[in-house]
């Protein structure tokens, strides 16, 4: 994620949902 996204996400308590795809 970008630095801007990390800062904004932290301030807004945004939590990403991630997964491992078919290519690993």
PDBML (XML) file of the C-alpha atoms, coordinates in Angstrom:
<?xml version="1.0" encoding="UTF-8" ?>
<PDBx:datablock datablockName="MODEL"
   xmlns:PDBx="http://pdbml.pdb.org/schema/pdbx-v50.xsd"
   xmlns:xsi="http://www.w3.org/2001/XMLSchema-instance"
   xsi:schemaLocation="http://pdbml.pdb.org/schema/pdbx-v50.xsd pdbx-v50.xsd">
   <PDBx:atom_siteCategory>
      <PDBx:atom_site id="1">
         <PDBx:B_iso_or_equiv>0.00</PDBx:B_iso_or_equiv>
         <PDBx:Cartn_x>0.000</PDBx:Cartn_x>
         <PDBx:Cartn_y>0.000</PDBx:Cartn_y>
         <PDBx:Cartn_z>0.000</PDBx:Cartn_z>
         <PDBx:auth_asym_id>A</PDBx:auth_asym_id>
         <PDBx:auth_atom_id>CA</PDBx:auth_atom_id>
         <PDBx:auth_comp_id>UNK</PDBx:auth_comp_id>
         <PDBx:auth_seq_id>1</PDBx:auth_seq_id>
         <PDBx:group_PDB>ATOM</PDBx:group_PDB>
         <PDBx:label_alt_id xsi:nil="true" />
         <PDBx:label_asym_id>A</PDBx:label_asym_id>
         <PDBx:label_atom_id>CA</PDBx:label_atom_id>
         <PDBx:label_comp_id>UNK</PDBx:label_comp_id>
         <PDBx:label_entity_id>1</PDBx:label_entity_id>
         <PDBx:label_seq_id>1</PDBx:label_seq_id>
         <PDBx:occupancy>1.00</PDBx:occupancy>
         <PDBx:pdbx_PDB_model_num>1</PDBx:pdbx_PDB_model_num>
         <PDBx:type_symbol>C</PDBx:type_symbol>
      </PDBx:atom_site>
      <PDBx:atom_site id="2">
         <PDBx:B_iso_or_equiv>0.00</PDBx:B_iso_or_equiv>
         <PDBx:Cartn_x>1.132</PDBx:Cartn_x>
         <PDBx:Cartn_y>3.583</PDBx:Cartn_y>
         <PDBx:Cartn_z>-0.488</PDBx:Cartn_z>
         <PDBx:auth_asym_id>A</PDBx:auth_asym_id>
         <PDBx:auth_atom_id>CA</PDBx:auth_atom_id>
         <PDBx:auth_comp_id>UNK</PDBx:auth_comp_id>
         <PDBx:auth_seq_id>2</PDBx:auth_seq_id>
         <PDBx:group_PDB>ATOM</PDBx:group_PDB>
         <PDBx:label_alt_id xsi:nil="true" />
         <PDBx:label_asym_id>A</PDBx:label_asym_id>
         <PDBx:label_atom_id>CA</PDBx:label_atom_id>
         <PDBx:label_comp_id>UNK</PDBx:label_comp_id>
         <PDBx:label_entity_id>1</PDBx:label_entity_id>
         <PDBx:label_seq_id>2</PDBx:label_seq_id>
         <PDBx:occupancy>1.00</PDBx:occupancy>
         <PDBx:pdbx_PDB_model_num>1</PDBx:pdbx_PDB_model_num>
         <PDBx:type_symbol>C</PDBx:type_symbol>
      </PDBx:atom_site>
      <PDBx:atom_site id="3">
         <PDBx:B_iso_or_equiv>0.00</PDBx:B_iso_or_equiv>
         <PDBx:Cartn_x>2.333</PDBx:Cartn_x>
         <PDBx:Cartn_y>5.768</PDBx:Cartn_y>
         <PDBx:Cartn_z>2.363</PDBx:Cartn_z>
         <PDBx:auth_asym_id>A</PDBx:auth_asym_id>
         <PDBx:auth_atom_id>CA</PDBx:auth_atom_id>
         <PDBx:auth_comp_id>UNK</PDBx:auth_comp_id>
         <PDBx:auth_seq_id>3</PDBx:auth_seq_id>
         <PDBx:group_PDB>ATOM</PDBx:group_PDB>
         <PDBx:label_alt_id xsi:nil="true" />
         <PDBx:label_asym_id>A</PDBx:label_asym_id>
         <PDBx:label_atom_id>CA</PDBx:label_atom_id>
         <PDBx:label_comp_id>UNK</PDBx:label_comp_id>
         <PDBx:label_entity_id>1</PDBx:label_entity_id>
         <PDBx:label_seq_id>3</PDBx:label_seq_id>
         <PDBx:occupancy>1.00</PDBx:occupancy>
         <PDBx:pdbx_PDB_model_num>1</PDBx:pdbx_PDB_model_num>
         <PDBx:type_symbol>C</PDBx:type_symbol>
      </PDBx:atom_site>
      <PDBx:atom_site id="4">
         <PDBx:B_iso_or_equiv>0.00</PDBx:B_iso_or_equiv>
         <PDBx:Cartn_x>-0.710</PDBx:Cartn_x>
         <PDBx:Cartn_y>8.015</PDBx:Cartn_y>
         <PDBx:Cartn_z>1.889</PDBx:Cartn_z>
         <PDBx:auth_asym_id>A</PDBx:auth_asym_id>
         <PDBx:auth_atom_id>CA</PDBx:auth_atom_id>
         <PDBx:auth_comp_id>UNK</PDBx:auth_comp_id>
         <PDBx:auth_seq_id>4</PDBx:auth_seq_id>
         <PDBx:group_PDB>ATOM</PDBx:group_PDB>
         <PDBx:label_alt_id xsi:nil="true" />
         <PDBx:label_asym_id>A</PDBx:label_asym_id>
         <PDBx:label_atom_id>CA</PDBx:label_atom_id>
         <PDBx:label_comp_id>UNK</PDBx:label_comp_id>
         <PDBx:label_entity_id>1</PDBx:label_entity_id>
         <PDBx:label_seq_id>4</PDBx:label_seq_id>
         <PDBx:occupancy>1.00</PDBx:occupancy>
         <PDBx:pdbx_PDB_model_num>1</PDBx:pdbx_PDB_model_num>
         <PDBx:type_symbol>C</PDBx:type_symbol>
      </PDBx:atom_site>
      <PDBx:atom_site id="5">
         <PDBx:B_iso_or_equiv>0.00</PDBx:B_iso_or_equiv>
         <PDBx:Cartn_x>-3.032</PDBx:Cartn_x>
         <PDBx:Cartn_y>5.006</PDBx:Cartn_y>
         <PDBx:Cartn_z>2.123</PDBx:Cartn_z>
         <PDBx:auth_asym_id>A</PDBx:auth_asym_id>
         <PDBx:auth_atom_id>CA</PDBx:auth_atom_id>
         <PDBx:auth_comp_id>UNK</PDBx:auth_comp_id>
         <PDBx:auth_seq_id>5</PDBx:auth_seq_id>
         <PDBx:group_PDB>ATOM</PDBx:group_PDB>
         <PDBx:label_alt_id xsi:nil="true" />
         <PDBx:label_asym_id>A</PDBx:label_asym_id>
         <PDBx:label_atom_id>CA</PDBx:label_atom_id>
         <PDBx:label_comp_id>UNK</PDBx:label_comp_id>
         <PDBx:label_entity_id>1</PDBx:label_entity_id>
         <PDBx:label_seq_id>5</PDBx:label_seq_id>
         <PDBx:occupancy>1.00</PDBx:occupancy>
         <PDBx:pdbx_PDB_model_num>1</PDBx:pdbx_PDB_model_num>
         <PDBx:type_symbol>C</PDBx:type_symbol>
      </PDBx:atom_site>
      <PDBx:atom_site id="6">
         <PDBx:B_iso_or_equiv>0.00</PDBx:B_iso_or_equiv>
         <PDBx:Cartn_x>-1.259</PDBx:Cartn_x>
         <PDBx:Cartn_y>3.756</PDBx:Cartn_y>
         <PDBx:Cartn_z>5.252</PDBx:Cartn_z>
         <PDBx:auth_asym_id>A</PDBx:auth_asym_id>
         <PDBx:auth_atom_id>CA</PDBx:auth_atom_id>
         <PDBx:auth_comp_id>UNK</PDBx:auth_comp_id>
         <PDBx:auth_seq_id>6</PDBx:auth_seq_id>
         <PDBx:group_PDB>ATOM</PDBx:group_PDB>
         <PDBx:label_alt_id xsi:nil="true" />
         <PDBx:label_asym_id>A</PDBx:label_asym_id>
         <PDBx:label_atom_id>CA</PDBx:label_atom_id>
         <PDBx:label_comp_id>UNK</PDBx:label_comp_id>
         <PDBx:label_entity_id>1</PDBx:label_entity_id>
         <PDBx:label_seq_id>6</PDBx:label_seq_id>
         <PDBx:occupancy>1.00</PDBx:occupancy>
         <PDBx:pdbx_PDB_model_num>1</PDBx:pdbx_PDB_model_num>
         <PDBx:type_symbol>C</PDBx:type_symbol>
      </PDBx:atom_site>
      <PDBx:atom_site id="7">
         <PDBx:B_iso_or_equiv>0.00</PDBx:B_iso_or_equiv>
         <PDBx:Cartn_x>-1.560</PDBx:Cartn_x>
         <PDBx:Cartn_y>7.120</PDBx:Cartn_y>
         <PDBx:Cartn_z>7.007</PDBx:Cartn_z>
         <PDBx:auth_asym_id>A</PDBx:auth_asym_id>
         <PDBx:auth_atom_id>CA</PDBx:auth_atom_id>
         <PDBx:auth_comp_id>UNK</PDBx:auth_comp_id>
         <PDBx:auth_seq_id>7</PDBx:auth_seq_id>
         <PDBx:group_PDB>ATOM</PDBx:group_PDB>
         <PDBx:label_alt_id xsi:nil="true" />
         <PDBx:label_asym_id>A</PDBx:label_asym_id>
         <PDBx:label_atom_id>CA</PDBx:label_atom_id>
         <PDBx:label_comp_id>UNK</PDBx:label_comp_id>
         <PDBx:label_entity_id>1</PDBx:label_entity_id>
         <PDBx:label_seq_id>7</PDBx:label_seq_id>
         <PDBx:occupancy>1.00</PDBx:occupancy>
         <PDBx:pdbx_PDB_model_num>1</PDBx:pdbx_PDB_model_num>
         <PDBx:type_symbol>C</PDBx:type_symbol>
      </PDBx:atom_site>
      <PDBx:atom_site id="8">
         <PDBx:B_iso_or_equiv>0.00</PDBx:B_iso_or_equiv>
         <PDBx:Cartn_x>-5.183</PDBx:Cartn_x>
         <PDBx:Cartn_y>7.715</PDBx:Cartn_y>
         <PDBx:Cartn_z>5.988</PDBx:Cartn_z>
         <PDBx:auth_asym_id>A</PDBx:auth_asym_id>
         <PDBx:auth_atom_id>CA</PDBx:auth_atom_id>
         <PDBx:auth_comp_id>UNK</PDBx:auth_comp_id>
         <PDBx:auth_seq_id>8</PDBx:auth_seq_id>
         <PDBx:group_PDB>ATOM</PDBx:group_PDB>
         <PDBx:label_alt_id xsi:nil="true" />
         <PDBx:label_asym_id>A</PDBx:label_asym_id>
         <PDBx:label_atom_id>CA</PDBx:label_atom_id>
         <PDBx:label_comp_id>UNK</PDBx:label_comp_id>
         <PDBx:label_entity_id>1</PDBx:label_entity_id>
         <PDBx:label_seq_id>8</PDBx:label_seq_id>
         <PDBx:occupancy>1.00</PDBx:occupancy>
         <PDBx:pdbx_PDB_model_num>1</PDBx:pdbx_PDB_model_num>
         <PDBx:type_symbol>C</PDBx:type_symbol>
      </PDBx:atom_site>
      <PDBx:atom_site id="9">
         <PDBx:B_iso_or_equiv>0.00</PDBx:B_iso_or_equiv>
         <PDBx:Cartn_x>-6.158</PDBx:Cartn_x>
         <PDBx:Cartn_y>4.129</PDBx:Cartn_y>
         <PDBx:Cartn_z>6.762</PDBx:Cartn_z>
         <PDBx:auth_asym_id>A</PDBx:auth_asym_id>
         <PDBx:auth_atom_id>CA</PDBx:auth_atom_id>
         <PDBx:auth_comp_id>UNK</PDBx:auth_comp_id>
         <PDBx:auth_seq_id>9</PDBx:auth_seq_id>
         <PDBx:group_PDB>ATOM</PDBx:group_PDB>
         <PDBx:label_alt_id xsi:nil="true" />
         <PDBx:label_asym_id>A</PDBx:label_asym_id>
         <PDBx:label_atom_id>CA</PDBx:label_atom_id>
         <PDBx:label_comp_id>UNK</PDBx:label_comp_id>
         <PDBx:label_entity_id>1</PDBx:label_entity_id>
         <PDBx:label_seq_id>9</PDBx:label_seq_id>
         <PDBx:occupancy>1.00</PDBx:occupancy>
         <PDBx:pdbx_PDB_model_num>1</PDBx:pdbx_PDB_model_num>
         <PDBx:type_symbol>C</PDBx:type_symbol>
      </PDBx:atom_site>
      <PDBx:atom_site id="10">
         <PDBx:B_iso_or_equiv>0.00</PDBx:B_iso_or_equiv>
         <PDBx:Cartn_x>-4.609</PDBx:Cartn_x>
         <PDBx:Cartn_y>4.326</PDBx:Cartn_y>
         <PDBx:Cartn_z>10.212</PDBx:Cartn_z>
         <PDBx:auth_asym_id>A</PDBx:auth_asym_id>
         <PDBx:auth_atom_id>CA</PDBx:auth_atom_id>
         <PDBx:auth_comp_id>UNK</PDBx:auth_comp_id>
         <PDBx:auth_seq_id>10</PDBx:auth_seq_id>
         <PDBx:group_PDB>ATOM</PDBx:group_PDB>
         <PDBx:label_alt_id xsi:nil="true" />
         <PDBx:label_asym_id>A</PDBx:label_asym_id>
         <PDBx:label_atom_id>CA</PDBx:label_atom_id>
         <PDBx:label_comp_id>UNK</PDBx:label_comp_id>
         <PDBx:label_entity_id>1</PDBx:label_entity_id>
         <PDBx:label_seq_id>10</PDBx:label_seq_id>
         <PDBx:occupancy>1.00</PDBx:occupancy>
         <PDBx:pdbx_PDB_model_num>1</PDBx:pdbx_PDB_model_num>
         <PDBx:type_symbol>C</PDBx:type_symbol>
      </PDBx:atom_site>
      <PDBx:atom_site id="11">
         <PDBx:B_iso_or_equiv>0.00</PDBx:B_iso_or_equiv>
         <PDBx:Cartn_x>-6.461</PDBx:Cartn_x>
         <PDBx:Cartn_y>7.558</PDBx:Cartn_y>
         <PDBx:Cartn_z>11.015</PDBx:Cartn_z>
         <PDBx:auth_asym_id>A</PDBx:auth_asym_id>
         <PDBx:auth_atom_id>CA</PDBx:auth_atom_id>
         <PDBx:auth_comp_id>UNK</PDBx:auth_comp_id>
         <PDBx:auth_seq_id>11</PDBx:auth_seq_id>
         <PDBx:group_PDB>ATOM</PDBx:group_PDB>
         <PDBx:label_alt_id xsi:nil="true" />
         <PDBx:label_asym_id>A</PDBx:label_asym_id>
         <PDBx:label_atom_id>CA</PDBx:label_atom_id>
         <PDBx:label_comp_id>UNK</PDBx:label_comp_id>
         <PDBx:label_entity_id>1</PDBx:label_entity_id>
         <PDBx:label_seq_id>11</PDBx:label_seq_id>
         <PDBx:occupancy>1.00</PDBx:occupancy>
         <PDBx:pdbx_PDB_model_num>1</PDBx:pdbx_PDB_model_num>
         <PDBx:type_symbol>C</PDBx:type_symbol>
      </PDBx:atom_site>
      <PDBx:atom_site id="12">
         <PDBx:B_iso_or_equiv>0.00</PDBx:B_iso_or_equiv>
         <PDBx:Cartn_x>-9.783</PDBx:Cartn_x>
         <PDBx:Cartn_y>6.113</PDBx:Cartn_y>
         <PDBx:Cartn_z>9.821</PDBx:Cartn_z>
         <PDBx:auth_asym_id>A</PDBx:auth_asym_id>
         <PDBx:auth_atom_id>CA</PDBx:auth_atom_id>
         <PDBx:auth_comp_id>UNK</PDBx:auth_comp_id>
         <PDBx:auth_seq_id>12</PDBx:auth_seq_id>
         <PDBx:group_PDB>ATOM</PDBx:group_PDB>
         <PDBx:label_alt_id xsi:nil="true" />
         <PDBx:label_asym_id>A</PDBx:label_asym_id>
         <PDBx:label_atom_id>CA</PDBx:label_atom_id>
         <PDBx:label_comp_id>UNK</PDBx:label_comp_id>
         <PDBx:label_entity_id>1</PDBx:label_entity_id>
         <PDBx:label_seq_id>12</PDBx:label_seq_id>
         <PDBx:occupancy>1.00</PDBx:occupancy>
         <PDBx:pdbx_PDB_model_num>1</PDBx:pdbx_PDB_model_num>
         <PDBx:type_symbol>C</PDBx:type_symbol>
      </PDBx:atom_site>
      <PDBx:atom_site id="13">
         <PDBx:B_iso_or_equiv>0.00</PDBx:B_iso_or_equiv>
         <PDBx:Cartn_x>-9.204</PDBx:Cartn_x>
         <PDBx:Cartn_y>2.628</PDBx:Cartn_y>
         <PDBx:Cartn_z>11.294</PDBx:Cartn_z>
         <PDBx:auth_asym_id>A</PDBx:auth_asym_id>
         <PDBx:auth_atom_id>CA</PDBx:auth_atom_id>
         <PDBx:auth_comp_id>UNK</PDBx:auth_comp_id>
         <PDBx:auth_seq_id>13</PDBx:auth_seq_id>
         <PDBx:group_PDB>ATOM</PDBx:group_PDB>
         <PDBx:label_alt_id xsi:nil="true" />
         <PDBx:label_asym_id>A</PDBx:label_asym_id>
         <PDBx:label_atom_id>CA</PDBx:label_atom_id>
         <PDBx:label_comp_id>UNK</PDBx:label_comp_id>
         <PDBx:label_entity_id>1</PDBx:label_entity_id>
         <PDBx:label_seq_id>13</PDBx:label_seq_id>
         <PDBx:occupancy>1.00</PDBx:occupancy>
         <PDBx:pdbx_PDB_model_num>1</PDBx:pdbx_PDB_model_num>
         <PDBx:type_symbol>C</PDBx:type_symbol>
      </PDBx:atom_site>
      <PDBx:atom_site id="14">
         <PDBx:B_iso_or_equiv>0.00</PDBx:B_iso_or_equiv>
         <PDBx:Cartn_x>-9.386</PDBx:Cartn_x>
         <PDBx:Cartn_y>1.045</PDBx:Cartn_y>
         <PDBx:Cartn_z>7.838</PDBx:Cartn_z>
         <PDBx:auth_asym_id>A</PDBx:auth_asym_id>
         <PDBx:auth_atom_id>CA</PDBx:auth_atom_id>
         <PDBx:auth_comp_id>UNK</PDBx:auth_comp_id>
         <PDBx:auth_seq_id>14</PDBx:auth_seq_id>
         <PDBx:group_PDB>ATOM</PDBx:group_PDB>
         <PDBx:label_alt_id xsi:nil="true" />
         <PDBx:label_asym_id>A</PDBx:label_asym_id>
         <PDBx:label_atom_id>CA</PDBx:label_atom_id>
         <PDBx:label_comp_id>UNK</PDBx:label_comp_id>
         <PDBx:label_entity_id>1</PDBx:label_entity_id>
         <PDBx:label_seq_id>14</PDBx:label_seq_id>
         <PDBx:occupancy>1.00</PDBx:occupancy>
         <PDBx:pdbx_PDB_model_num>1</PDBx:pdbx_PDB_model_num>
         <PDBx:type_symbol>C</PDBx:type_symbol>
      </PDBx:atom_site>
      <PDBx:atom_site id="15">
         <PDBx:B_iso_or_equiv>0.00</PDBx:B_iso_or_equiv>
         <PDBx:Cartn_x>-8.480</PDBx:Cartn_x>
         <PDBx:Cartn_y>-2.647</PDBx:Cartn_y>
         <PDBx:Cartn_z>7.846</PDBx:Cartn_z>
         <PDBx:auth_asym_id>A</PDBx:auth_asym_id>
         <PDBx:auth_atom_id>CA</PDBx:auth_atom_id>
         <PDBx:auth_comp_id>UNK</PDBx:auth_comp_id>
         <PDBx:auth_seq_id>15</PDBx:auth_seq_id>
         <PDBx:group_PDB>ATOM</PDBx:group_PDB>
         <PDBx:label_alt_id xsi:nil="true" />
         <PDBx:label_asym_id>A</PDBx:label_asym_id>
         <PDBx:label_atom_id>CA</PDBx:label_atom_id>
         <PDBx:label_comp_id>UNK</PDBx:label_comp_id>
         <PDBx:label_entity_id>1</PDBx:label_entity_id>
         <PDBx:label_seq_id>15</PDBx:label_seq_id>
         <PDBx:occupancy>1.00</PDBx:occupancy>
         <PDBx:pdbx_PDB_model_num>1</PDBx:pdbx_PDB_model_num>
         <PDBx:type_symbol>C</PDBx:type_symbol>
      </PDBx:atom_site>
      <PDBx:atom_site id="16">
         <PDBx:B_iso_or_equiv>0.00</PDBx:B_iso_or_equiv>
         <PDBx:Cartn_x>-7.671</PDBx:Cartn_x>
         <PDBx:Cartn_y>-4.443</PDBx:Cartn_y>
         <PDBx:Cartn_z>4.580</PDBx:Cartn_z>
         <PDBx:auth_asym_id>A</PDBx:auth_asym_id>
         <PDBx:auth_atom_id>CA</PDBx:auth_atom_id>
         <PDBx:auth_comp_id>UNK</PDBx:auth_comp_id>
         <PDBx:auth_seq_id>16</PDBx:auth_seq_id>
         <PDBx:group_PDB>ATOM</PDBx:group_PDB>
         <PDBx:label_alt_id xsi:nil="true" />
         <PDBx:label_asym_id>A</PDBx:label_asym_id>
         <PDBx:label_atom_id>CA</PDBx:label_atom_id>
         <PDBx:label_comp_id>UNK</PDBx:label_comp_id>
         <PDBx:label_entity_id>1</PDBx:label_entity_id>
         <PDBx:label_seq_id>16</PDBx:label_seq_id>
         <PDBx:occupancy>1.00</PDBx:occupancy>
         <PDBx:pdbx_PDB_model_num>1</PDBx:pdbx_PDB_model_num>
         <PDBx:type_symbol>C</PDBx:type_symbol>
      </PDBx:atom_site>
      <PDBx:atom_site id="17">
         <PDBx:B_iso_or_equiv>0.00</PDBx:B_iso_or_equiv>
         <PDBx:Cartn_x>-8.992</PDBx:Cartn_x>
         <PDBx:Cartn_y>-7.894</PDBx:Cartn_y>
         <PDBx:Cartn_z>3.720</PDBx:Cartn_z>
         <PDBx:auth_asym_id>A</PDBx:auth_asym_id>
         <PDBx:auth_atom_id>CA</PDBx:auth_atom_id>
         <PDBx:auth_comp_id>UNK</PDBx:auth_comp_id>
         <PDBx:auth_seq_id>17</PDBx:auth_seq_id>
         <PDBx:group_PDB>ATOM</PDBx:group_PDB>
         <PDBx:label_alt_id xsi:nil="true" />
         <PDBx:label_asym_id>A</PDBx:label_asym_id>
         <PDBx:label_atom_id>CA</PDBx:label_atom_id>
         <PDBx:label_comp_id>UNK</PDBx:label_comp_id>
         <PDBx:label_entity_id>1</PDBx:label_entity_id>
         <PDBx:label_seq_id>17</PDBx:label_seq_id>
         <PDBx:occupancy>1.00</PDBx:occupancy>
         <PDBx:pdbx_PDB_model_num>1</PDBx:pdbx_PDB_model_num>
         <PDBx:type_symbol>C</PDBx:type_symbol>
      </PDBx:atom_site>
      <PDBx:atom_site id="18">
         <PDBx:B_iso_or_equiv>0.00</PDBx:B_iso_or_equiv>
         <PDBx:Cartn_x>-6.441</PDBx:Cartn_x>
         <PDBx:Cartn_y>-9.912</PDBx:Cartn_y>
         <PDBx:Cartn_z>1.768</PDBx:Cartn_z>
         <PDBx:auth_asym_id>A</PDBx:auth_asym_id>
         <PDBx:auth_atom_id>CA</PDBx:auth_atom_id>
         <PDBx:auth_comp_id>UNK</PDBx:auth_comp_id>
         <PDBx:auth_seq_id>18</PDBx:auth_seq_id>
         <PDBx:group_PDB>ATOM</PDBx:group_PDB>
         <PDBx:label_alt_id xsi:nil="true" />
         <PDBx:label_asym_id>A</PDBx:label_asym_id>
         <PDBx:label_atom_id>CA</PDBx:label_atom_id>
         <PDBx:label_comp_id>UNK</PDBx:label_comp_id>
         <PDBx:label_entity_id>1</PDBx:label_entity_id>
         <PDBx:label_seq_id>18</PDBx:label_seq_id>
         <PDBx:occupancy>1.00</PDBx:occupancy>
         <PDBx:pdbx_PDB_model_num>1</PDBx:pdbx_PDB_model_num>
         <PDBx:type_symbol>C</PDBx:type_symbol>
      </PDBx:atom_site>
      <PDBx:atom_site id="19">
         <PDBx:B_iso_or_equiv>0.00</PDBx:B_iso_or_equiv>
         <PDBx:Cartn_x>-6.154</PDBx:Cartn_x>
         <PDBx:Cartn_y>-13.413</PDBx:Cartn_y>
         <PDBx:Cartn_z>0.393</PDBx:Cartn_z>
         <PDBx:auth_asym_id>A</PDBx:auth_asym_id>
         <PDBx:auth_atom_id>CA</PDBx:auth_atom_id>
         <PDBx:auth_comp_id>UNK</PDBx:auth_comp_id>
         <PDBx:auth_seq_id>19</PDBx:auth_seq_id>
         <PDBx:group_PDB>ATOM</PDBx:group_PDB>
         <PDBx:label_alt_id xsi:nil="true" />
         <PDBx:label_asym_id>A</PDBx:label_asym_id>
         <PDBx:label_atom_id>CA</PDBx:label_atom_id>
         <PDBx:label_comp_id>UNK</PDBx:label_comp_id>
         <PDBx:label_entity_id>1</PDBx:label_entity_id>
         <PDBx:label_seq_id>19</PDBx:label_seq_id>
         <PDBx:occupancy>1.00</PDBx:occupancy>
         <PDBx:pdbx_PDB_model_num>1</PDBx:pdbx_PDB_model_num>
         <PDBx:type_symbol>C</PDBx:type_symbol>
      </PDBx:atom_site>
      <PDBx:atom_site id="20">
         <PDBx:B_iso_or_equiv>0.00</PDBx:B_iso_or_equiv>
         <PDBx:Cartn_x>-3.707</PDBx:Cartn_x>
         <PDBx:Cartn_y>-15.634</PDBx:Cartn_y>
         <PDBx:Cartn_z>-1.498</PDBx:Cartn_z>
         <PDBx:auth_asym_id>A</PDBx:auth_asym_id>
         <PDBx:auth_atom_id>CA</PDBx:auth_atom_id>
         <PDBx:auth_comp_id>UNK</PDBx:auth_comp_id>
         <PDBx:auth_seq_id>20</PDBx:auth_seq_id>
         <PDBx:group_PDB>ATOM</PDBx:group_PDB>
         <PDBx:label_alt_id xsi:nil="true" />
         <PDBx:label_asym_id>A</PDBx:label_asym_id>
         <PDBx:label_atom_id>CA</PDBx:label_atom_id>
         <PDBx:label_comp_id>UNK</PDBx:label_comp_id>
         <PDBx:label_entity_id>1</PDBx:label_entity_id>
         <PDBx:label_seq_id>20</PDBx:label_seq_id>
         <PDBx:occupancy>1.00</PDBx:occupancy>
         <PDBx:pdbx_PDB_model_num>1</PDBx:pdbx_PDB_model_num>
         <PDBx:type_symbol>C</PDBx:type_symbol>
      </PDBx:atom_site>
      <PDBx:atom_site id="21">
         <PDBx:B_iso_or_equiv>0.00</PDBx:B_iso_or_equiv>
         <PDBx:Cartn_x>-4.785</PDBx:Cartn_x>
         <PDBx:Cartn_y>-16.073</PDBx:Cartn_y>
         <PDBx:Cartn_z>-5.124</PDBx:Cartn_z>
         <PDBx:auth_asym_id>A</PDBx:auth_asym_id>
         <PDBx:auth_atom_id>CA</PDBx:auth_atom_id>
         <PDBx:auth_comp_id>UNK</PDBx:auth_comp_id>
         <PDBx:auth_seq_id>21</PDBx:auth_seq_id>
         <PDBx:group_PDB>ATOM</PDBx:group_PDB>
         <PDBx:label_alt_id xsi:nil="true" />
         <PDBx:label_asym_id>A</PDBx:label_asym_id>
         <PDBx:label_atom_id>CA</PDBx:label_atom_id>
         <PDBx:label_comp_id>UNK</PDBx:label_comp_id>
         <PDBx:label_entity_id>1</PDBx:label_entity_id>
         <PDBx:label_seq_id>21</PDBx:label_seq_id>
         <PDBx:occupancy>1.00</PDBx:occupancy>
         <PDBx:pdbx_PDB_model_num>1</PDBx:pdbx_PDB_model_num>
         <PDBx:type_symbol>C</PDBx:type_symbol>
      </PDBx:atom_site>
      <PDBx:atom_site id="22">
         <PDBx:B_iso_or_equiv>0.00</PDBx:B_iso_or_equiv>
         <PDBx:Cartn_x>-4.419</PDBx:Cartn_x>
         <PDBx:Cartn_y>-18.999</PDBx:Cartn_y>
         <PDBx:Cartn_z>-7.537</PDBx:Cartn_z>
         <PDBx:auth_asym_id>A</PDBx:auth_asym_id>
         <PDBx:auth_atom_id>CA</PDBx:auth_atom_id>
         <PDBx:auth_comp_id>UNK</PDBx:auth_comp_id>
         <PDBx:auth_seq_id>22</PDBx:auth_seq_id>
         <PDBx:group_PDB>ATOM</PDBx:group_PDB>
         <PDBx:label_alt_id xsi:nil="true" />
         <PDBx:label_asym_id>A</PDBx:label_asym_id>
         <PDBx:label_atom_id>CA</PDBx:label_atom_id>
         <PDBx:label_comp_id>UNK</PDBx:label_comp_id>
         <PDBx:label_entity_id>1</PDBx:label_entity_id>
         <PDBx:label_seq_id>22</PDBx:label_seq_id>
         <PDBx:occupancy>1.00</PDBx:occupancy>
         <PDBx:pdbx_PDB_model_num>1</PDBx:pdbx_PDB_model_num>
         <PDBx:type_symbol>C</PDBx:type_symbol>
      </PDBx:atom_site>
      <PDBx:atom_site id="23">
         <PDBx:B_iso_or_equiv>0.00</PDBx:B_iso_or_equiv>
         <PDBx:Cartn_x>-0.872</PDBx:Cartn_x>
         <PDBx:Cartn_y>-17.941</PDBx:Cartn_y>
         <PDBx:Cartn_z>-8.412</PDBx:Cartn_z>
         <PDBx:auth_asym_id>A</PDBx:auth_asym_id>
         <PDBx:auth_atom_id>CA</PDBx:auth_atom_id>
         <PDBx:auth_comp_id>UNK</PDBx:auth_comp_id>
         <PDBx:auth_seq_id>23</PDBx:auth_seq_id>
         <PDBx:group_PDB>ATOM</PDBx:group_PDB>
         <PDBx:label_alt_id xsi:nil="true" />
         <PDBx:label_asym_id>A</PDBx:label_asym_id>
         <PDBx:label_atom_id>CA</PDBx:label_atom_id>
         <PDBx:label_comp_id>UNK</PDBx:label_comp_id>
         <PDBx:label_entity_id>1</PDBx:label_entity_id>
         <PDBx:label_seq_id>23</PDBx:label_seq_id>
         <PDBx:occupancy>1.00</PDBx:occupancy>
         <PDBx:pdbx_PDB_model_num>1</PDBx:pdbx_PDB_model_num>
         <PDBx:type_symbol>C</PDBx:type_symbol>
      </PDBx:atom_site>
      <PDBx:atom_site id="24">
         <PDBx:B_iso_or_equiv>0.00</PDBx:B_iso_or_equiv>
         <PDBx:Cartn_x>0.138</PDBx:Cartn_x>
         <PDBx:Cartn_y>-17.926</PDBx:Cartn_y>
         <PDBx:Cartn_z>-4.750</PDBx:Cartn_z>
         <PDBx:auth_asym_id>A</PDBx:auth_asym_id>
         <PDBx:auth_atom_id>CA</PDBx:auth_atom_id>
         <PDBx:auth_comp_id>UNK</PDBx:auth_comp_id>
         <PDBx:auth_seq_id>24</PDBx:auth_seq_id>
         <PDBx:group_PDB>ATOM</PDBx:group_PDB>
         <PDBx:label_alt_id xsi:nil="true" />
         <PDBx:label_asym_id>A</PDBx:label_asym_id>
         <PDBx:label_atom_id>CA</PDBx:label_atom_id>
         <PDBx:label_comp_id>UNK</PDBx:label_comp_id>
         <PDBx:label_entity_id>1</PDBx:label_entity_id>
         <PDBx:label_seq_id>24</PDBx:label_seq_id>
         <PDBx:occupancy>1.00</PDBx:occupancy>
         <PDBx:pdbx_PDB_model_num>1</PDBx:pdbx_PDB_model_num>
         <PDBx:type_symbol>C</PDBx:type_symbol>
      </PDBx:atom_site>
   </PDBx:atom_siteCategory>
</PDBx:datablock>
